[in-house]
N, C-alpha and C. Protein backbone atom coordinates (compact mmCIF):
# COMPACT_ATOMS: atom_id res chain seq x y z
N UNK A 1 -29.95 88.03 95.86
CA UNK A 1 -29.59 87.84 94.49
C UNK A 1 -28.86 86.51 94.36
N UNK A 2 -29.17 85.75 93.28
CA UNK A 2 -28.55 84.45 93.06
C UNK A 2 -27.24 84.64 92.33
N UNK A 3 -26.26 83.89 92.78
CA UNK A 3 -24.94 83.96 92.17
C UNK A 3 -24.85 82.87 91.09
N UNK A 4 -24.71 83.25 89.83
CA UNK A 4 -24.60 82.28 88.74
C UNK A 4 -23.14 81.95 88.50
N UNK A 5 -22.88 80.67 88.25
CA UNK A 5 -21.52 80.26 87.94
C UNK A 5 -21.54 79.51 86.61
N UNK A 6 -20.41 79.48 85.97
CA UNK A 6 -20.29 78.80 84.68
C UNK A 6 -20.33 77.29 84.90
N UNK A 7 -21.03 76.55 84.00
CA UNK A 7 -21.12 75.10 84.10
C UNK A 7 -19.76 74.49 83.79
N UNK A 8 -19.44 73.44 84.52
CA UNK A 8 -18.18 72.72 84.30
C UNK A 8 -18.49 71.33 83.77
N UNK A 9 -17.43 70.60 83.37
CA UNK A 9 -17.61 69.23 82.89
C UNK A 9 -18.26 68.34 83.95
N UNK A 10 -17.98 68.59 85.21
CA UNK A 10 -18.57 67.81 86.30
C UNK A 10 -20.08 67.99 86.34
N UNK A 11 -20.55 69.19 85.97
CA UNK A 11 -21.99 69.45 85.96
C UNK A 11 -22.68 68.73 84.80
N UNK A 12 -21.94 68.43 83.76
CA UNK A 12 -22.54 67.87 82.55
C UNK A 12 -22.37 66.36 82.44
N UNK A 13 -21.82 65.71 83.43
CA UNK A 13 -21.61 64.27 83.36
C UNK A 13 -22.94 63.54 83.31
N UNK A 14 -22.99 62.50 82.50
CA UNK A 14 -24.19 61.68 82.40
C UNK A 14 -24.24 60.72 83.58
N UNK A 15 -25.43 60.34 83.99
CA UNK A 15 -25.53 59.38 85.09
C UNK A 15 -24.99 58.03 84.63
N UNK A 16 -24.57 57.19 85.55
CA UNK A 16 -24.07 55.88 85.16
C UNK A 16 -25.15 55.10 84.41
N UNK A 17 -24.73 54.19 83.55
CA UNK A 17 -25.66 53.43 82.71
C UNK A 17 -26.62 52.59 83.53
N UNK A 18 -26.21 52.15 84.70
CA UNK A 18 -27.10 51.30 85.51
C UNK A 18 -27.96 52.12 86.47
N UNK A 19 -27.89 53.45 86.41
CA UNK A 19 -28.69 54.30 87.29
C UNK A 19 -30.15 54.22 86.89
N UNK A 20 -31.02 54.10 87.85
CA UNK A 20 -32.45 54.02 87.59
C UNK A 20 -33.04 55.42 87.67
N UNK A 21 -33.97 55.73 86.77
CA UNK A 21 -34.59 57.04 86.72
C UNK A 21 -35.55 57.20 87.90
N UNK A 22 -35.42 58.29 88.58
CA UNK A 22 -36.31 58.61 89.69
C UNK A 22 -36.94 59.96 89.40
N UNK A 23 -38.28 59.99 89.21
CA UNK A 23 -38.92 61.28 88.94
C UNK A 23 -38.89 62.17 90.18
N UNK A 24 -38.98 63.47 89.95
CA UNK A 24 -39.02 64.44 91.05
C UNK A 24 -40.25 64.17 91.92
N UNK A 25 -40.17 64.53 93.19
CA UNK A 25 -41.23 64.24 94.14
C UNK A 25 -42.62 64.69 93.68
N UNK A 26 -42.79 65.88 93.12
CA UNK A 26 -44.16 66.28 92.74
C UNK A 26 -44.73 65.41 91.60
N UNK A 27 -43.87 64.78 90.80
CA UNK A 27 -44.35 64.00 89.68
C UNK A 27 -44.57 62.53 90.01
N UNK A 28 -44.09 62.07 91.15
CA UNK A 28 -44.17 60.66 91.49
C UNK A 28 -45.60 60.16 91.50
N UNK A 29 -46.52 60.98 91.98
CA UNK A 29 -47.92 60.55 92.11
C UNK A 29 -48.83 61.23 91.10
N UNK A 30 -48.30 61.79 90.04
CA UNK A 30 -49.11 62.52 89.08
C UNK A 30 -49.74 61.60 88.05
N UNK A 31 -49.47 60.31 88.08
CA UNK A 31 -50.06 59.36 87.14
C UNK A 31 -49.33 59.29 85.81
N UNK A 32 -48.15 59.84 85.75
CA UNK A 32 -47.35 59.80 84.52
C UNK A 32 -46.41 58.62 84.62
N UNK A 33 -46.41 57.76 83.58
CA UNK A 33 -45.53 56.60 83.58
C UNK A 33 -44.13 56.99 83.13
N UNK A 34 -43.15 56.56 83.87
CA UNK A 34 -41.77 56.87 83.53
C UNK A 34 -40.99 55.64 83.10
N UNK A 35 -41.64 54.50 83.02
CA UNK A 35 -40.95 53.28 82.60
C UNK A 35 -41.16 53.13 81.10
N UNK A 36 -40.06 53.08 80.32
CA UNK A 36 -40.24 52.96 78.87
C UNK A 36 -40.82 51.60 78.50
N UNK A 37 -41.73 51.62 77.56
CA UNK A 37 -42.36 50.40 77.05
C UNK A 37 -41.52 49.91 75.87
N UNK A 38 -41.10 48.67 75.89
CA UNK A 38 -40.23 48.13 74.84
C UNK A 38 -40.89 48.19 73.46
N UNK A 39 -42.22 48.03 73.40
CA UNK A 39 -42.89 48.05 72.10
C UNK A 39 -42.88 49.44 71.48
N UNK A 40 -42.74 50.47 72.30
CA UNK A 40 -42.72 51.84 71.79
C UNK A 40 -41.30 52.33 71.51
N UNK A 41 -40.30 51.51 71.79
CA UNK A 41 -38.93 51.94 71.61
C UNK A 41 -38.66 52.20 70.13
N UNK A 42 -38.07 53.34 69.83
CA UNK A 42 -37.80 53.64 68.42
C UNK A 42 -36.70 52.72 67.87
N UNK A 43 -36.84 52.42 66.58
CA UNK A 43 -35.81 51.62 65.92
C UNK A 43 -34.58 52.49 65.78
N UNK A 44 -33.42 51.93 65.99
CA UNK A 44 -32.19 52.70 65.92
C UNK A 44 -31.99 53.32 64.54
N UNK A 45 -31.33 54.47 64.54
CA UNK A 45 -31.09 55.17 63.27
C UNK A 45 -30.24 54.33 62.34
N UNK A 46 -29.26 53.63 62.89
CA UNK A 46 -28.41 52.78 62.05
C UNK A 46 -29.23 51.70 61.37
N UNK A 47 -30.12 51.08 62.13
CA UNK A 47 -30.95 50.02 61.57
C UNK A 47 -31.86 50.57 60.48
N UNK A 48 -32.42 51.75 60.71
CA UNK A 48 -33.29 52.36 59.70
C UNK A 48 -32.50 52.70 58.44
N UNK A 49 -31.31 53.26 58.61
CA UNK A 49 -30.48 53.58 57.45
C UNK A 49 -30.08 52.32 56.70
N UNK A 50 -29.70 51.28 57.44
CA UNK A 50 -29.30 50.04 56.81
C UNK A 50 -30.48 49.43 56.03
N UNK A 51 -31.65 49.44 56.65
CA UNK A 51 -32.83 48.90 55.98
C UNK A 51 -33.18 49.71 54.73
N UNK A 52 -33.11 51.03 54.84
CA UNK A 52 -33.38 51.89 53.68
C UNK A 52 -32.35 51.69 52.59
N UNK A 53 -31.08 51.57 52.99
CA UNK A 53 -30.02 51.34 52.01
C UNK A 53 -30.19 50.00 51.30
N UNK A 54 -30.53 48.97 52.08
CA UNK A 54 -30.75 47.65 51.47
C UNK A 54 -31.93 47.68 50.50
N UNK A 55 -32.94 48.44 50.85
CA UNK A 55 -34.11 48.57 49.97
C UNK A 55 -33.73 49.27 48.67
N UNK A 56 -32.94 50.34 48.78
CA UNK A 56 -32.50 51.07 47.59
C UNK A 56 -31.60 50.20 46.72
N UNK A 57 -30.71 49.45 47.33
CA UNK A 57 -29.83 48.56 46.57
C UNK A 57 -30.67 47.52 45.84
N UNK A 58 -31.66 46.98 46.52
CA UNK A 58 -32.54 45.99 45.89
C UNK A 58 -33.29 46.59 44.71
N UNK A 59 -33.81 47.81 44.87
CA UNK A 59 -34.52 48.46 43.78
C UNK A 59 -33.59 48.77 42.62
N UNK A 60 -32.38 49.24 42.92
CA UNK A 60 -31.42 49.54 41.86
C UNK A 60 -31.03 48.26 41.12
N UNK A 61 -30.84 47.18 41.85
CA UNK A 61 -30.50 45.91 41.23
C UNK A 61 -31.62 45.43 40.32
N UNK A 62 -32.86 45.55 40.79
CA UNK A 62 -34.00 45.14 39.97
C UNK A 62 -34.09 45.97 38.69
N UNK A 63 -33.88 47.28 38.82
CA UNK A 63 -33.93 48.14 37.62
C UNK A 63 -32.79 47.81 36.67
N UNK A 64 -31.60 47.58 37.21
CA UNK A 64 -30.45 47.25 36.36
C UNK A 64 -30.71 45.93 35.62
N UNK A 65 -31.28 44.97 36.31
CA UNK A 65 -31.60 43.69 35.66
C UNK A 65 -32.65 43.87 34.57
N UNK A 66 -33.63 44.72 34.84
CA UNK A 66 -34.67 44.97 33.83
C UNK A 66 -34.06 45.63 32.59
N UNK A 67 -33.18 46.62 32.81
CA UNK A 67 -32.50 47.27 31.68
C UNK A 67 -31.61 46.28 30.94
N UNK A 68 -30.91 45.44 31.69
CA UNK A 68 -30.03 44.45 31.07
C UNK A 68 -30.84 43.45 30.24
N UNK A 69 -31.97 43.02 30.77
CA UNK A 69 -32.82 42.10 30.00
C UNK A 69 -33.35 42.76 28.74
N UNK A 70 -33.73 44.03 28.86
CA UNK A 70 -34.20 44.76 27.69
C UNK A 70 -33.07 44.90 26.67
N UNK A 71 -31.88 45.24 27.14
CA UNK A 71 -30.73 45.36 26.24
C UNK A 71 -30.37 44.02 25.60
N UNK A 72 -30.50 42.94 26.37
CA UNK A 72 -30.22 41.60 25.85
C UNK A 72 -31.19 41.26 24.71
N UNK A 73 -32.45 41.59 24.91
CA UNK A 73 -33.46 41.34 23.86
C UNK A 73 -33.17 42.17 22.62
N UNK A 74 -32.84 43.45 22.82
CA UNK A 74 -32.53 44.32 21.68
C UNK A 74 -31.28 43.85 20.95
N UNK A 75 -30.27 43.42 21.70
CA UNK A 75 -29.04 42.92 21.07
C UNK A 75 -29.34 41.68 20.25
N UNK A 76 -30.16 40.78 20.78
CA UNK A 76 -30.54 39.58 20.03
C UNK A 76 -31.26 39.94 18.74
N UNK A 77 -32.17 40.91 18.82
CA UNK A 77 -32.90 41.35 17.61
C UNK A 77 -31.95 41.94 16.58
N UNK A 78 -31.03 42.79 17.02
CA UNK A 78 -30.08 43.41 16.09
C UNK A 78 -29.16 42.36 15.47
N UNK A 79 -28.70 41.42 16.27
CA UNK A 79 -27.84 40.36 15.74
C UNK A 79 -28.59 39.50 14.72
N UNK A 80 -29.87 39.25 14.97
CA UNK A 80 -30.67 38.51 13.99
C UNK A 80 -30.76 39.28 12.67
N UNK A 81 -30.90 40.61 12.77
CA UNK A 81 -30.96 41.43 11.56
C UNK A 81 -29.62 41.37 10.81
N UNK A 82 -28.51 41.43 11.55
CA UNK A 82 -27.20 41.35 10.91
C UNK A 82 -27.02 39.99 10.24
N UNK A 83 -27.43 38.93 10.93
CA UNK A 83 -27.31 37.58 10.36
C UNK A 83 -28.14 37.47 9.08
N UNK A 84 -29.33 38.05 9.09
CA UNK A 84 -30.18 38.01 7.90
C UNK A 84 -29.55 38.81 6.76
N UNK A 85 -28.96 39.96 7.07
CA UNK A 85 -28.28 40.76 6.05
C UNK A 85 -27.12 39.98 5.44
N UNK A 86 -26.33 39.34 6.29
CA UNK A 86 -25.20 38.56 5.79
C UNK A 86 -25.68 37.39 4.93
N UNK A 87 -26.74 36.76 5.36
CA UNK A 87 -27.29 35.64 4.60
C UNK A 87 -27.81 36.11 3.25
N UNK A 88 -28.51 37.25 3.24
CA UNK A 88 -29.02 37.80 1.99
C UNK A 88 -27.88 38.22 1.06
N UNK A 89 -26.81 38.75 1.66
CA UNK A 89 -25.68 39.21 0.85
C UNK A 89 -24.89 38.04 0.28
N UNK A 90 -25.00 36.86 0.87
CA UNK A 90 -24.22 35.70 0.42
C UNK A 90 -24.52 35.36 -1.03
N UNK A 91 -25.78 35.45 -1.44
CA UNK A 91 -26.15 35.14 -2.83
C UNK A 91 -25.51 36.14 -3.78
N UNK A 92 -25.51 37.41 -3.41
CA UNK A 92 -24.89 38.43 -4.24
C UNK A 92 -23.38 38.21 -4.32
N UNK A 93 -22.78 37.84 -3.21
CA UNK A 93 -21.34 37.57 -3.19
C UNK A 93 -21.03 36.37 -4.09
N UNK A 94 -21.90 35.34 -4.06
CA UNK A 94 -21.73 34.18 -4.95
C UNK A 94 -21.64 34.63 -6.41
N UNK A 95 -22.56 35.50 -6.81
CA UNK A 95 -22.62 35.95 -8.20
C UNK A 95 -21.44 36.85 -8.57
N UNK A 96 -21.10 37.77 -7.68
CA UNK A 96 -20.10 38.79 -8.02
C UNK A 96 -18.66 38.31 -7.83
N UNK A 97 -18.39 37.59 -6.73
CA UNK A 97 -17.02 37.26 -6.38
C UNK A 97 -16.72 35.77 -6.50
N UNK A 98 -17.70 34.95 -6.20
CA UNK A 98 -17.49 33.51 -6.28
C UNK A 98 -18.14 32.80 -5.11
N UNK A 99 -18.42 31.50 -5.34
CA UNK A 99 -19.13 30.69 -4.35
C UNK A 99 -18.34 30.54 -3.04
N UNK A 100 -17.02 30.49 -3.14
CA UNK A 100 -16.21 30.33 -1.94
C UNK A 100 -16.42 31.52 -0.99
N UNK A 101 -16.45 32.73 -1.53
CA UNK A 101 -16.63 33.92 -0.71
C UNK A 101 -18.07 34.03 -0.20
N UNK A 102 -19.00 33.56 -1.01
CA UNK A 102 -20.40 33.50 -0.55
C UNK A 102 -20.54 32.57 0.64
N UNK A 103 -19.77 31.49 0.61
CA UNK A 103 -19.79 30.54 1.74
C UNK A 103 -19.25 31.21 3.00
N UNK A 104 -18.24 32.08 2.85
CA UNK A 104 -17.74 32.83 4.00
C UNK A 104 -18.85 33.70 4.60
N UNK A 105 -19.60 34.34 3.74
CA UNK A 105 -20.70 35.20 4.21
C UNK A 105 -21.76 34.36 4.92
N UNK A 106 -22.09 33.16 4.38
CA UNK A 106 -23.07 32.29 5.04
C UNK A 106 -22.54 31.79 6.38
N UNK A 107 -21.25 31.48 6.43
CA UNK A 107 -20.64 31.04 7.68
C UNK A 107 -20.69 32.15 8.72
N UNK A 108 -20.39 33.37 8.30
CA UNK A 108 -20.46 34.52 9.21
C UNK A 108 -21.89 34.73 9.69
N UNK A 109 -22.86 34.56 8.79
CA UNK A 109 -24.27 34.70 9.17
C UNK A 109 -24.65 33.65 10.21
N UNK A 110 -24.16 32.43 10.03
CA UNK A 110 -24.45 31.36 10.99
C UNK A 110 -23.83 31.68 12.36
N UNK A 111 -22.61 32.20 12.35
CA UNK A 111 -21.95 32.54 13.62
C UNK A 111 -22.70 33.66 14.35
N UNK A 112 -23.13 34.65 13.60
CA UNK A 112 -23.88 35.76 14.21
C UNK A 112 -25.22 35.25 14.75
N UNK A 113 -25.88 34.37 14.00
CA UNK A 113 -27.15 33.79 14.46
C UNK A 113 -26.93 32.95 15.73
N UNK A 114 -25.82 32.21 15.78
CA UNK A 114 -25.51 31.43 16.98
C UNK A 114 -25.27 32.33 18.19
N UNK A 115 -24.57 33.44 17.95
CA UNK A 115 -24.34 34.40 19.03
C UNK A 115 -25.66 34.98 19.53
N UNK A 116 -26.54 35.32 18.61
CA UNK A 116 -27.86 35.84 18.98
C UNK A 116 -28.62 34.82 19.81
N UNK A 117 -28.58 33.58 19.38
CA UNK A 117 -29.26 32.51 20.12
C UNK A 117 -28.68 32.34 21.52
N UNK A 118 -27.37 32.40 21.61
CA UNK A 118 -26.71 32.27 22.92
C UNK A 118 -27.13 33.40 23.85
N UNK A 119 -27.16 34.60 23.32
CA UNK A 119 -27.55 35.76 24.14
C UNK A 119 -28.99 35.61 24.60
N UNK A 120 -29.86 35.17 23.74
CA UNK A 120 -31.28 35.02 24.11
C UNK A 120 -31.50 33.93 25.16
N UNK A 121 -30.72 32.84 25.06
CA UNK A 121 -30.97 31.67 25.90
C UNK A 121 -30.29 31.71 27.26
N UNK A 122 -29.40 32.65 27.48
CA UNK A 122 -28.72 32.73 28.77
C UNK A 122 -29.27 33.91 29.56
N UNK A 123 -29.26 33.74 30.89
CA UNK A 123 -29.67 34.89 31.70
C UNK A 123 -28.46 35.82 31.90
N UNK A 124 -28.72 36.96 32.48
CA UNK A 124 -27.71 38.00 32.61
C UNK A 124 -26.49 37.51 33.40
N UNK A 125 -26.73 36.79 34.50
CA UNK A 125 -25.62 36.31 35.31
C UNK A 125 -24.70 35.37 34.52
N UNK A 126 -25.29 34.51 33.71
CA UNK A 126 -24.48 33.61 32.89
C UNK A 126 -23.67 34.39 31.85
N UNK A 127 -24.28 35.39 31.25
CA UNK A 127 -23.55 36.20 30.27
C UNK A 127 -22.40 36.96 30.92
N UNK A 128 -22.63 37.50 32.12
CA UNK A 128 -21.57 38.22 32.83
C UNK A 128 -20.43 37.25 33.16
N UNK A 129 -20.78 36.04 33.61
CA UNK A 129 -19.75 35.04 33.91
C UNK A 129 -18.96 34.68 32.65
N UNK A 130 -19.65 34.53 31.53
CA UNK A 130 -18.97 34.22 30.27
C UNK A 130 -17.98 35.33 29.89
N UNK A 131 -18.41 36.58 30.05
CA UNK A 131 -17.53 37.70 29.71
C UNK A 131 -16.32 37.72 30.65
N UNK A 132 -16.56 37.50 31.94
CA UNK A 132 -15.43 37.47 32.89
C UNK A 132 -14.44 36.38 32.52
N UNK A 133 -14.95 35.20 32.20
CA UNK A 133 -14.07 34.09 31.83
C UNK A 133 -13.29 34.41 30.56
N UNK A 134 -13.95 35.05 29.61
CA UNK A 134 -13.28 35.43 28.36
C UNK A 134 -12.16 36.42 28.63
N UNK A 135 -12.45 37.41 29.49
CA UNK A 135 -11.44 38.43 29.80
C UNK A 135 -10.26 37.79 30.53
N UNK A 136 -10.54 36.86 31.44
CA UNK A 136 -9.44 36.17 32.14
C UNK A 136 -8.60 35.35 31.17
N UNK A 137 -9.26 34.68 30.24
CA UNK A 137 -8.55 33.80 29.31
C UNK A 137 -7.80 34.58 28.24
N UNK A 138 -8.37 35.69 27.79
CA UNK A 138 -7.77 36.47 26.69
C UNK A 138 -7.83 37.96 26.98
N UNK A 139 -7.04 38.43 27.92
CA UNK A 139 -7.13 39.87 28.27
C UNK A 139 -6.76 40.80 27.12
N UNK A 140 -5.80 40.41 26.29
CA UNK A 140 -5.39 41.28 25.18
C UNK A 140 -6.52 41.43 24.17
N UNK A 141 -7.18 40.33 23.86
CA UNK A 141 -8.31 40.40 22.92
C UNK A 141 -9.43 41.23 23.53
N UNK A 142 -9.69 41.04 24.83
CA UNK A 142 -10.76 41.78 25.50
C UNK A 142 -10.48 43.28 25.45
N UNK A 143 -9.23 43.67 25.65
CA UNK A 143 -8.87 45.09 25.59
C UNK A 143 -9.06 45.62 24.17
N UNK A 144 -8.67 44.82 23.19
CA UNK A 144 -8.86 45.22 21.79
C UNK A 144 -10.32 45.39 21.44
N UNK A 145 -11.15 44.44 21.88
CA UNK A 145 -12.59 44.53 21.61
C UNK A 145 -13.17 45.76 22.31
N UNK A 146 -12.76 45.98 23.55
CA UNK A 146 -13.27 47.16 24.29
C UNK A 146 -12.87 48.45 23.58
N UNK A 147 -11.64 48.50 23.09
CA UNK A 147 -11.19 49.70 22.37
C UNK A 147 -11.99 49.89 21.08
N UNK A 148 -12.23 48.80 20.35
CA UNK A 148 -12.99 48.89 19.10
C UNK A 148 -14.43 49.33 19.37
N UNK A 149 -15.04 48.76 20.41
CA UNK A 149 -16.41 49.15 20.75
C UNK A 149 -16.45 50.61 21.19
N UNK A 150 -15.47 51.02 21.99
CA UNK A 150 -15.41 52.42 22.41
C UNK A 150 -15.25 53.36 21.24
N UNK A 151 -14.38 52.99 20.29
CA UNK A 151 -14.19 53.81 19.10
C UNK A 151 -15.49 53.90 18.30
N UNK A 152 -16.17 52.76 18.13
CA UNK A 152 -17.42 52.75 17.37
C UNK A 152 -18.48 53.60 18.07
N UNK A 153 -18.58 53.48 19.38
CA UNK A 153 -19.56 54.29 20.12
C UNK A 153 -19.23 55.78 20.01
N UNK A 154 -17.95 56.11 20.08
CA UNK A 154 -17.56 57.51 19.94
C UNK A 154 -17.96 58.04 18.57
N UNK A 155 -17.76 57.24 17.53
CA UNK A 155 -18.15 57.66 16.18
C UNK A 155 -19.67 57.85 16.07
N UNK A 156 -20.42 56.93 16.66
CA UNK A 156 -21.88 57.04 16.61
C UNK A 156 -22.33 58.30 17.33
N UNK A 157 -21.78 58.54 18.52
CA UNK A 157 -22.16 59.73 19.28
C UNK A 157 -21.76 60.99 18.52
N UNK A 158 -20.55 60.98 17.95
CA UNK A 158 -20.08 62.15 17.21
C UNK A 158 -20.97 62.42 16.00
N UNK A 159 -21.33 61.38 15.26
CA UNK A 159 -22.18 61.59 14.09
C UNK A 159 -23.57 62.06 14.50
N UNK A 160 -24.06 61.59 15.65
CA UNK A 160 -25.35 62.06 16.16
C UNK A 160 -25.30 63.51 16.55
N UNK A 161 -24.18 63.93 17.14
CA UNK A 161 -24.03 65.33 17.53
C UNK A 161 -23.89 66.21 16.30
N UNK A 162 -23.17 65.73 15.29
CA UNK A 162 -23.02 66.52 14.06
C UNK A 162 -24.35 66.65 13.34
N UNK A 163 -25.14 65.57 13.34
CA UNK A 163 -26.43 65.62 12.66
C UNK A 163 -27.38 66.57 13.38
N UNK A 164 -27.35 66.57 14.72
CA UNK A 164 -28.27 67.46 15.45
C UNK A 164 -27.77 68.89 15.43
N UNK A 165 -26.47 69.13 15.24
CA UNK A 165 -25.94 70.49 15.25
C UNK A 165 -25.64 71.02 13.88
N UNK A 166 -26.05 70.33 12.80
CA UNK A 166 -25.68 70.75 11.46
C UNK A 166 -26.35 72.05 11.02
N UNK A 167 -27.46 72.40 11.64
CA UNK A 167 -28.15 73.62 11.20
C UNK A 167 -27.91 74.79 12.12
N UNK A 168 -26.90 74.73 13.00
CA UNK A 168 -26.73 75.82 13.95
C UNK A 168 -25.84 76.94 13.44
N UNK A 169 -25.17 76.74 12.30
CA UNK A 169 -24.42 77.82 11.68
C UNK A 169 -23.13 78.16 12.37
N UNK A 170 -22.56 77.29 13.18
CA UNK A 170 -21.33 77.64 13.86
C UNK A 170 -20.09 77.28 13.06
N UNK A 171 -20.25 76.65 11.87
CA UNK A 171 -19.14 76.39 11.00
C UNK A 171 -18.34 75.14 11.30
N UNK A 172 -18.73 74.41 12.34
CA UNK A 172 -18.01 73.18 12.66
C UNK A 172 -18.45 72.06 11.74
N UNK A 173 -17.52 71.17 11.38
CA UNK A 173 -17.84 70.05 10.50
C UNK A 173 -17.98 68.80 11.29
């Protein structure tokens, strides 16, 4: 009967890194190659993960740029519409309030049109740099603008939710 003993750490030690593999005697002449071929060596897991991560980052960046370009185009279109509205309203303001106030409306229309043109003519990186520079130069104004935009977005979202939930009968206004 064979006496079994529990394995110890000494039994589990790995061979030294410079140790050369020697196949068992019956396998030495069996025609099986035991020397690893460098061309068949698997790519390391870290390298594969890094390559996959870089690919995903590249794809995400491309999608973000595409969305940003689309948003830039839409913003330019909306600003053009606002500029046209202000310009159209200037004549009415001339008649109702006076030419001086109509000139204010035309000036505002020109400024909005210039902003639209600037947005259309710059790429995303230039616009981001402009915003960063503005925030560095005028942080208080930037915080105020961010708060106003956040408030406006909250109102738009809230009105959209109220409009979609107006027929549910839950009594909320």
